[in-house]
PDB file of N, CA and C in Angstrom:
ATOM      1  N   MET A   1       1.289  -1.228  -0.199  1.00  0.00           N
ATOM      2  CA  MET A   1       0.062  -0.278   0.066  1.00  0.00           C
ATOM      3  C   MET A   1       1.284   0.973  -0.284  1.00  0.00           C
ATOM      4  N   ALA A   2       0.962   2.292  -0.716  1.00  0.00           N
ATOM      5  CA  ALA A   2       1.611   3.395  -1.073  1.00  0.00           C
ATOM      6  C   ALA A   2       0.871   4.516   0.280  1.00  0.00           C
ATOM      7  N   VAL A   3       1.924   5.031   0.805  1.00  0.00           N
ATOM      8  CA  VAL A   3       1.699   5.961   1.632  1.00  0.00           C
ATOM      9  C   VAL A   3       1.691   7.496   0.879  1.00  0.00           C
ATOM     10  N   ILE A   4       0.503   8.354   0.990  1.00  0.00           N
ATOM     11  CA  ILE A   4       0.205   8.932   0.335  1.00  0.00           C
ATOM     12  C   ILE A   4       0.019  10.648   1.495  1.00  0.00           C
ATOM     13  N   GLY A   5       1.159  11.595   1.004  1.00  0.00           N
ATOM     14  CA  GLY A   5       1.275  12.948   2.216  1.00  0.00           C
ATOM     15  C   GLY A   5       0.920  14.119   1.220  1.00  0.00           C
ATOM     16  N   TYR A   6       0.022  14.995   2.466  1.00  0.00           N
ATOM     17  CA  TYR A   6      -0.437  16.003   1.846  1.00  0.00           C
ATOM     18  C   TYR A   6       0.005  17.208   2.743  1.00  0.00           C
ATOM     19  N   GLN A   7       0.874  18.249   2.199  1.00  0.00           N
ATOM     20  CA  GLN A   7       1.141  19.487   2.759  1.00  0.00           C
ATOM     21  C   GLN A   7       0.642  20.977   2.528  1.00  0.00           C
ATOM     22  N   TRP A   8       0.509  21.582   3.096  1.00  0.00           N
ATOM     23  CA  TRP A   8      -0.075  22.906   3.213  1.00  0.00           C
ATOM     24  C   TRP A   8       0.518  24.248   3.645  1.00  0.00           C
ATOM     25  N   VAL A   9       0.739  25.222   3.028  1.00  0.00           N
ATOM     26  CA  VAL A   9       1.483  26.353   3.259  1.00  0.00           C
ATOM     27  C   VAL A   9       0.538  27.352   3.018  1.00  0.00           C
ATOM     28  N   SER A  10       0.371  28.299   4.322  1.00  0.00           N
ATOM     29  CA  SER A  10      -0.465  29.661   3.887  1.00  0.00           C
ATOM     30  C   SER A  10      -0.066  30.897   3.132  1.00  0.00           C
ATOM     31  N   THR A  11       0.836  30.551   2.434  1.00  0.00           N
ATOM     32  CA  THR A  11       1.602  31.774   1.760  1.00  0.00           C
ATOM     33  C   THR A  11       2.778  31.555   0.557  1.00  0.00           C
ATOM     34  N   ASN A  12       3.050  31.973  -0.172  1.00  0.00           N
ATOM     35  CA  ASN A  12       4.088  31.444  -1.578  1.00  0.00           C
ATOM     36  C   ASN A  12       5.287  32.012  -0.692  1.00  0.00           C
ATOM     37  N   ALA A  13       5.261  32.677   0.932  1.00  0.00           N
ATOM     38  CA  ALA A  13       6.811  33.432   1.140  1.00  0.00           C
ATOM     39  C   ALA A  13       6.941  32.286   2.319  1.00  0.00           C
ATOM     40  N   ARG A  14       5.862  31.109   2.891  1.00  0.00           N
ATOM     41  CA  ARG A  14       6.080  30.247   3.754  1.00  0.00           C
ATOM     42  C   ARG A  14       7.054  29.150   3.155  1.00  0.00           C
ATOM     43  N   ASP A  15       7.530  28.200   3.873  1.00  0.00           N
ATOM     44  CA  ASP A  15       8.705  27.354   3.874  1.00  0.00           C
ATOM     45  C   ASP A  15       8.124  25.683   3.974  1.00  0.00           C
ATOM     46  N   ALA A  16       7.381  24.862   3.309  1.00  0.00           N
ATOM     47  CA  ALA A  16       7.114  24.148   3.193  1.00  0.00           C
ATOM     48  C   ALA A  16       8.797  22.553   3.327  1.00  0.00           C
ATOM     49  N   ARG A  17       9.701  23.185   3.455  1.00  0.00           N
ATOM     50  CA  ARG A  17      10.322  22.358   3.273  1.00  0.00           C
ATOM     51  C   ARG A  17      10.994  21.216   4.799  1.00  0.00           C
ATOM     52  N   LEU A  18      10.125  21.371   5.517  1.00  0.00           N
ATOM     53  CA  LEU A  18       9.915  20.757   7.070  1.00  0.00           C
ATOM     54  C   LEU A  18       9.260  19.645   6.747  1.00  0.00           C
ATOM     55  N   GLN A  19       7.447  20.247   6.241  1.00  0.00           N
ATOM     56  CA  GLN A  19       7.111  19.269   5.939  1.00  0.00           C
ATOM     57  C   GLN A  19       7.231  18.506   4.988  1.00  0.00           C
ATOM     58  N   ASN A  20       7.499  18.711   3.836  1.00  0.00           N
ATOM     59  CA  ASN A  20       8.505  18.044   3.356  1.00  0.00           C
ATOM     60  C   ASN A  20       8.914  16.640   3.563  1.00  0.00           C
ATOM     61  N   ASP A  21      10.013  16.984   4.424  1.00  0.00           N
ATOM     62  CA  ASP A  21      11.245  16.285   5.365  1.00  0.00           C
ATOM     63  C   ASP A  21      10.815  15.384   6.145  1.00  0.00           C
ATOM     64  N   ALA A  22       9.842  15.615   6.888  1.00  0.00           N
ATOM     65  CA  ALA A  22       9.123  14.859   7.209  1.00  0.00           C
ATOM     66  C   ALA A  22       8.075  13.522   6.723  1.00  0.00           C
ATOM     67  N   LEU A  23       7.103  14.460   5.941  1.00  0.00           N
ATOM     68  CA  LEU A  23       6.573  13.401   4.952  1.00  0.00           C
ATOM     69  C   LEU A  23       7.540  12.274   4.408  1.00  0.00           C
ATOM     70  N   THR A  24       8.572  12.614   3.641  1.00  0.00           N
ATOM     71  CA  THR A  24       9.904  11.961   3.592  1.00  0.00           C
ATOM     72  C   THR A  24       9.977  10.651   4.720  1.00  0.00           C
ATOM     73  N   ALA A  25      10.286  11.118   5.027  1.00  0.00           N
ATOM     74  CA  ALA A  25      10.645  10.303   6.166  1.00  0.00           C
ATOM     75  C   ALA A  25       9.579   9.794   6.859  1.00  0.00           C
ATOM     76  N   ALA A  26       8.288  10.084   6.751  1.00  0.00           N
ATOM     77  CA  ALA A  26       7.547   9.169   7.018  1.00  0.00           C
ATOM     78  C   ALA A  26       7.372   7.834   6.011  1.00  0.00           C
ATOM     79  N   GLY A  27       7.671   7.847   5.017  1.00  0.00           N
ATOM     80  CA  GLY A  27       8.146   7.152   3.972  1.00  0.00           C
ATOM     81  C   GLY A  27       6.814   7.472   2.438  1.00  0.00           C
ATOM     82  N   CYS A  28       5.994   8.624   2.344  1.00  0.00           N
ATOM     83  CA  CYS A  28       5.350   8.712   1.723  1.00  0.00           C
ATOM     84  C   CYS A  28       5.894   8.916   0.348  1.00  0.00           C
ATOM     85  N   SER A  29       5.308   7.951  -0.627  1.00  0.00           N
ATOM     86  CA  SER A  29       5.662   7.934  -1.584  1.00  0.00           C
ATOM     87  C   SER A  29       5.120   8.916  -2.763  1.00  0.00           C
ATOM     88  N   LYS A  30       4.641   9.707  -2.339  1.00  0.00           N
ATOM     89  CA  LYS A  30       3.476  10.813  -3.518  1.00  0.00           C
ATOM     90  C   LYS A  30       3.019  11.784  -2.310  1.00  0.00           C
ATOM     91  N   ILE A  31       3.702  13.540  -2.866  1.00  0.00           N
ATOM     92  CA  ILE A  31       3.618  14.112  -1.443  1.00  0.00           C
ATOM     93  C   ILE A  31       2.142  15.207  -2.820  1.00  0.00           C
ATOM     94  N   TYR A  32       1.445  15.646  -2.453  1.00  0.00           N
ATOM     95  CA  TYR A  32       0.674  16.877  -2.571  1.00  0.00           C
ATOM     96  C   TYR A  32       0.493  17.558  -1.650  1.00  0.00           C
ATOM     97  N   GLU A  33       0.733  18.922  -2.516  1.00  0.00           N
ATOM     98  CA  GLU A  33       0.751  20.325  -1.738  1.00  0.00           C
ATOM     99  C   GLU A  33       0.104  21.335  -2.400  1.00  0.00           C
ATOM    100  N   ASP A  34      -0.291  22.431  -1.002  1.00  0.00           N
ATOM    101  CA  ASP A  34      -1.050  22.993  -1.501  1.00  0.00           C
ATOM    102  C   ASP A  34      -0.645  24.546  -0.849  1.00  0.00           C
ATOM    103  N   MET A  35      -0.491  25.936  -1.412  1.00  0.00           N
ATOM    104  CA  MET A  35       0.030  26.723  -1.403  1.00  0.00           C
ATOM    105  C   MET A  35      -1.202  27.929  -1.414  1.00  0.00           C
ATOM    106  N   GLU A  36      -1.836  28.045  -0.121  1.00  0.00           N
ATOM    107  CA  GLU A  36      -3.026  28.710  -0.420  1.00  0.00           C
ATOM    108  C   GLU A  36      -3.119  29.905   0.441  1.00  0.00           C
ATOM    109  N   SER A  37      -3.995  30.648   0.285  1.00  0.00           N
ATOM    110  CA  SER A  37      -4.183  31.706   2.183  1.00  0.00           C
ATOM    111  C   SER A  37      -5.508  30.536   2.560  1.00  0.00           C
ATOM    112  N   GLY A  38      -5.355  30.745   3.768  1.00  0.00           N
ATOM    113  CA  GLY A  38      -6.237  29.950   5.030  1.00  0.00           C
ATOM    114  C   GLY A  38      -7.563  30.580   4.826  1.00  0.00           C
ATOM    115  N   LYS A  39      -7.738  31.721   4.518  1.00  0.00           N
ATOM    116  CA  LYS A  39      -9.368  31.562   3.700  1.00  0.00           C
ATOM    117  C   LYS A  39      -9.601  31.364   2.165  1.00  0.00           C
ATOM    118  N   ASN A  40      -8.835  30.678   1.506  1.00  0.00           N
ATOM    119  CA  ASN A  40      -9.740  29.899   0.551  1.00  0.00           C
ATOM    120  C   ASN A  40     -10.166  28.380   0.738  1.00  0.00           C
ATOM    121  N   ALA A  41     -11.556  28.131   0.165  1.00  0.00           N
ATOM    122  CA  ALA A  41     -11.615  27.218   0.559  1.00  0.00           C
ATOM    123  C   ALA A  41     -10.933  25.827  -0.049  1.00  0.00           C
ATOM    124  N   GLU A  42     -10.807  26.553  -1.313  1.00  0.00           N
ATOM    125  CA  GLU A  42     -10.360  25.372  -2.300  1.00  0.00           C
ATOM    126  C   GLU A  42      -8.829  25.264  -2.464  1.00  0.00           C
ATOM    127  N   ARG A  43      -8.524  23.929  -2.238  1.00  0.00           N
ATOM    128  CA  ARG A  43      -7.145  22.803  -2.170  1.00  0.00           C
ATOM    129  C   ARG A  43      -7.542  21.774  -3.088  1.00  0.00           C
ATOM    130  N   PRO A  44      -6.749  21.774  -4.080  1.00  0.00           N
ATOM    131  CA  PRO A  44      -6.629  21.188  -5.202  1.00  0.00           C
ATOM    132  C   PRO A  44      -6.002  20.222  -4.515  1.00  0.00           C
ATOM    133  N   GLY A  45      -4.873  20.287  -4.298  1.00  0.00           N
ATOM    134  CA  GLY A  45      -3.401  19.606  -3.706  1.00  0.00           C
ATOM    135  C   GLY A  45      -4.127  18.335  -2.890  1.00  0.00           C
ATOM    136  N   LEU A  46      -5.131  18.620  -2.103  1.00  0.00           N
ATOM    137  CA  LEU A  46      -5.795  17.828  -1.148  1.00  0.00           C
ATOM    138  C   LEU A  46      -7.312  17.409  -1.842  1.00  0.00           C
ATOM    139  N   LEU A  47      -7.779  17.503  -2.600  1.00  0.00           N
ATOM    140  CA  LEU A  47      -8.614  16.730  -3.641  1.00  0.00           C
ATOM    141  C   LEU A  47      -8.130  15.756  -4.425  1.00  0.00           C
ATOM    142  N   SER A  48      -6.790  16.495  -5.018  1.00  0.00           N
ATOM    143  CA  SER A  48      -5.660  14.711  -5.686  1.00  0.00           C
ATOM    144  C   SER A  48      -5.115  13.954  -4.789  1.00  0.00           C
ATOM    145  N   ALA A  49      -4.804  14.119  -3.503  1.00  0.00           N
ATOM    146  CA  ALA A  49      -4.436  13.306  -2.691  1.00  0.00           C
ATOM    147  C   ALA A  49      -5.587  12.187  -1.892  1.00  0.00           C
ATOM    148  N   LEU A  50      -6.862  12.967  -1.753  1.00  0.00           N
ATOM    149  CA  LEU A  50      -7.978  12.405  -1.329  1.00  0.00           C
ATOM    150  C   LEU A  50      -8.604  11.310  -2.622  1.00  0.00           C
ATOM    151  N   ASP A  51      -8.229  11.662  -3.906  1.00  0.00           N
ATOM    152  CA  ASP A  51      -8.523  10.949  -5.185  1.00  0.00           C
ATOM    153  C   ASP A  51      -7.879   9.888  -5.342  1.00  0.00           C
ATOM    154  N   TRP A  52      -6.422   9.764  -4.735  1.00  0.00           N
ATOM    155  CA  TRP A  52      -5.488   8.893  -4.599  1.00  0.00           C
ATOM    156  C   TRP A  52      -6.037   8.084  -4.718  1.00  0.00           C
TER     157      TRP A  52
END
């Protein structure tokens, strides 16, 4: 079974490296990401991860 990860950061100015490192260390073979404001309800990366 594949391990799928999802990371989210609120703005492009934030850095997702720590999340990415943690998900990689957890054995995630695919990592989806969203870089959106918290006020935006649309999360295409999350939807892709859930559909996987």
